[in-house]
Amino acid sequence: MNTYKQESVSFNSHYLAQTIPETPLPNNQQQDPLIAKNLQREQYVGIFSLTIALIAAVGIISRRVEYAILFAIALSLVLIAFFLFI
């Protein structure tokens, strides 16, 4: 159980370290069963597979829409990389 004590606007780290003690969890409760760990890679594979399937399904119906989706994905990736590395 964590205890927190809120004081004035002063942010003295030494003072905060003394007033906010954290009690560690027992060893048997370190693993929370509601938190999915080590599934992130499988989620990315599933999302990528669904994206490829969606593009293929739309590509069968209309080439223009497929090219528009591919262009939007490429432009999004370029903009995300651009804004992350600025």
Protein backbone atom coordinates (compact mmCIF):
# COMPACT_ATOMS: atom_id res chain seq x y z
CA MET A 1 0.00 0.00 0.00
CA ASN A 2 1.37 3.39 -0.94
CA THR A 3 0.97 6.39 1.31
CA TYR A 4 1.04 9.87 -0.15
CA LYS A 5 1.16 13.17 1.63
CA GLN A 6 0.50 16.32 -0.36
CA GLU A 7 2.07 19.51 0.92
CA SER A 8 2.74 22.95 -0.49
CA VAL A 9 4.00 23.73 -3.98
CA SER A 10 7.64 23.29 -2.89
CA PHE A 11 9.24 20.31 -4.66
CA ASN A 12 12.22 19.34 -2.55
CA SER A 13 13.18 15.83 -3.66
CA HIS A 14 14.77 14.94 -0.31
CA TYR A 15 11.59 15.96 1.49
CA LEU A 16 9.40 14.05 -0.95
CA ALA A 17 11.50 10.91 -0.56
CA GLN A 18 10.85 11.00 3.17
CA THR A 19 7.09 11.60 2.98
CA ILE A 20 6.18 9.11 0.24
CA PRO A 21 7.31 5.68 1.39
CA GLU A 22 6.41 2.76 -0.81
CA THR A 23 5.75 -0.62 0.66
CA PRO A 24 6.89 -3.46 -1.58
CA LEU A 25 4.45 -6.18 -2.50
CA PRO A 26 4.97 -9.66 -1.15
CA ASN A 27 6.86 -11.97 -3.50
CA ASN A 28 3.74 -13.93 -4.41
CA GLN A 29 1.95 -10.79 -5.66
CA GLN A 30 4.71 -9.43 -7.91
CA GLN A 31 3.11 -11.09 -10.94
CA ASP A 32 -0.25 -9.49 -11.64
CA PRO A 33 -2.40 -12.01 -13.57
CA LEU A 34 -4.42 -9.23 -15.21
CA ILE A 35 -1.41 -7.72 -16.96
CA ALA A 36 -0.54 -9.52 -20.19
CA LYS A 37 3.22 -9.75 -20.47
CA ASN A 38 5.22 -11.02 -23.45
CA LEU A 39 2.24 -10.74 -25.80
CA GLN A 40 3.25 -7.51 -27.49
CA ARG A 41 4.99 -9.24 -30.39
CA GLU A 42 1.94 -11.41 -31.09
CA GLN A 43 -0.27 -8.32 -31.04
CA TYR A 44 1.94 -6.58 -33.60
CA VAL A 45 1.94 -9.66 -35.83
CA GLY A 46 -1.86 -9.84 -35.62
CA ILE A 47 -2.30 -6.14 -36.39
CA PHE A 48 0.13 -6.37 -39.32
CA SER A 49 -1.65 -9.46 -40.67
CA LEU A 50 -5.06 -7.80 -40.43
CA THR A 51 -3.70 -4.72 -42.19
CA ILE A 52 -2.28 -6.80 -45.06
CA ALA A 53 -5.55 -8.74 -45.32
CA LEU A 54 -7.56 -5.51 -45.43
CA ILE A 55 -5.35 -4.02 -48.13
CA ALA A 56 -5.57 -7.25 -50.15
CA ALA A 57 -9.37 -7.40 -49.82
CA VAL A 58 -9.75 -3.77 -50.85
CA GLY A 59 -7.19 -4.26 -53.64
CA ILE A 60 -9.30 -7.02 -55.14
CA ILE A 61 -12.30 -4.68 -55.24
CA SER A 62 -10.62 -1.44 -56.32
CA ARG A 63 -7.02 -0.63 -57.26
CA ARG A 64 -7.44 3.10 -56.67
CA VAL A 65 -8.60 2.59 -53.09
CA GLU A 66 -5.70 0.20 -52.48
CA TYR A 67 -3.20 2.76 -53.73
CA ALA A 68 -4.84 5.47 -51.61
CA ILE A 69 -4.60 3.29 -48.48
CA LEU A 70 -0.96 2.40 -49.19
CA PHE A 71 -0.13 6.07 -49.80
CA ALA A 72 -1.85 7.08 -46.54
CA ILE A 73 0.05 4.42 -44.57
CA ALA A 74 3.38 5.41 -46.12
CA LEU A 75 2.74 9.10 -45.50
CA SER A 76 1.71 8.37 -41.90
CA LEU A 77 4.88 6.37 -41.25
CA VAL A 78 7.05 9.14 -42.71
CA LEU A 79 5.32 11.81 -40.63
CA ILE A 80 5.51 9.73 -37.45
CA ALA A 81 9.25 9.16 -37.99
CA PHE A 82 9.74 12.84 -38.80
CA PHE A 83 8.00 14.07 -35.66
CA LEU A 84 9.66 11.47 -33.42
CA PHE A 85 13.17 12.44 -34.48
CA ILE A 86 12.80 16.23 -34.41
